[in-house]
Amino acid sequence: MAELNGRVALVTGALGKLGPIWIGALAGAGARVIGVDVRPGEV
């Protein structure tokens, strides 16, 4: 993955199966990561 220093990434579905993987990959590339999700039953 390209260097993402100084960038901000928003990951939706952060508590799903792929959310943590994307968060780790983006953070590892230098991005500041914001993970969001909905609580079960609120949709």
C-alpha atoms as a PDB file:
ATOM      1  CA  MET A   1       0.000   0.000   0.000  1.00  0.00           C
ATOM      2  CA  ALA A   2       1.196   3.529  -0.724  1.00  0.00           C
ATOM      3  CA  GLU A   3       2.427   5.783   2.058  1.00  0.00           C
ATOM      4  CA  LEU A   4      -0.466   7.617   3.639  1.00  0.00           C
ATOM      5  CA  ASN A   5       1.373   9.861   6.092  1.00  0.00           C
ATOM      6  CA  GLY A   6      -0.687  12.935   6.880  1.00  0.00           C
ATOM      7  CA  ARG A   7      -3.879  11.451   5.418  1.00  0.00           C
ATOM      8  CA  VAL A   8      -7.098  10.608   7.258  1.00  0.00           C
ATOM      9  CA  ALA A   9      -9.039   7.441   6.454  1.00  0.00           C
ATOM     10  CA  LEU A  10     -12.633   6.715   7.442  1.00  0.00           C
ATOM     11  CA  VAL A  11     -13.487   3.024   7.675  1.00  0.00           C
ATOM     12  CA  THR A  12     -17.187   2.173   7.787  1.00  0.00           C
ATOM     13  CA  GLY A  13     -18.196  -1.197   9.155  1.00  0.00           C
ATOM     14  CA  ALA A  14     -15.221  -1.092  11.521  1.00  0.00           C
ATOM     15  CA  LEU A  15     -16.578  -3.911  13.687  1.00  0.00           C
ATOM     16  CA  GLY A  16     -17.254  -6.237  10.774  1.00  0.00           C
ATOM     17  CA  LYS A  17     -15.015  -8.969   9.440  1.00  0.00           C
ATOM     18  CA  LEU A  18     -12.892  -6.749   7.181  1.00  0.00           C
ATOM     19  CA  GLY A  19     -13.032  -3.522   9.192  1.00  0.00           C
ATOM     20  CA  PRO A  20     -10.162  -4.383  11.553  1.00  0.00           C
ATOM     21  CA  ILE A  21      -8.044  -5.575   8.628  1.00  0.00           C
ATOM     22  CA  TRP A  22      -8.525  -2.294   6.753  1.00  0.00           C
ATOM     23  CA  ILE A  23      -7.883  -0.278   9.906  1.00  0.00           C
ATOM     24  CA  GLY A  24      -4.603  -2.105  10.518  1.00  0.00           C
ATOM     25  CA  ALA A  25      -3.467  -1.784   6.909  1.00  0.00           C
ATOM     26  CA  LEU A  26      -4.267   1.921   6.683  1.00  0.00           C
ATOM     27  CA  ALA A  27      -2.705   2.710  10.050  1.00  0.00           C
ATOM     28  CA  GLY A  28       0.353   0.677   9.089  1.00  0.00           C
ATOM     29  CA  ALA A  29       0.704   2.827   5.975  1.00  0.00           C
ATOM     30  CA  GLY A  30       0.748   5.952   8.145  1.00  0.00           C
ATOM     31  CA  ALA A  31      -2.861   7.164   7.957  1.00  0.00           C
ATOM     32  CA  ARG A  32      -4.843   8.454  10.889  1.00  0.00           C
ATOM     33  CA  VAL A  33      -7.817   6.099  10.942  1.00  0.00           C
ATOM     34  CA  ILE A  34     -11.355   6.674  12.146  1.00  0.00           C
ATOM     35  CA  GLY A  35     -13.462   3.534  12.404  1.00  0.00           C
ATOM     36  CA  VAL A  36     -17.257   3.780  12.597  1.00  0.00           C
ATOM     37  CA  ASP A  37     -20.045   1.230  12.836  1.00  0.00           C
ATOM     38  CA  VAL A  38     -23.620   0.983  14.067  1.00  0.00           C
ATOM     39  CA  ARG A  39     -24.766  -0.895  17.107  1.00  0.00           C
ATOM     40  CA  PRO A  40     -26.692  -4.084  16.364  1.00  0.00           C
ATOM     41  CA  GLY A  41     -30.421  -3.486  16.495  1.00  0.00           C
ATOM     42  CA  GLU A  42     -30.202   0.235  15.702  1.00  0.00           C
ATOM     43  CA  VAL A  43     -30.597  -0.160  11.964  1.00  0.00           C
END
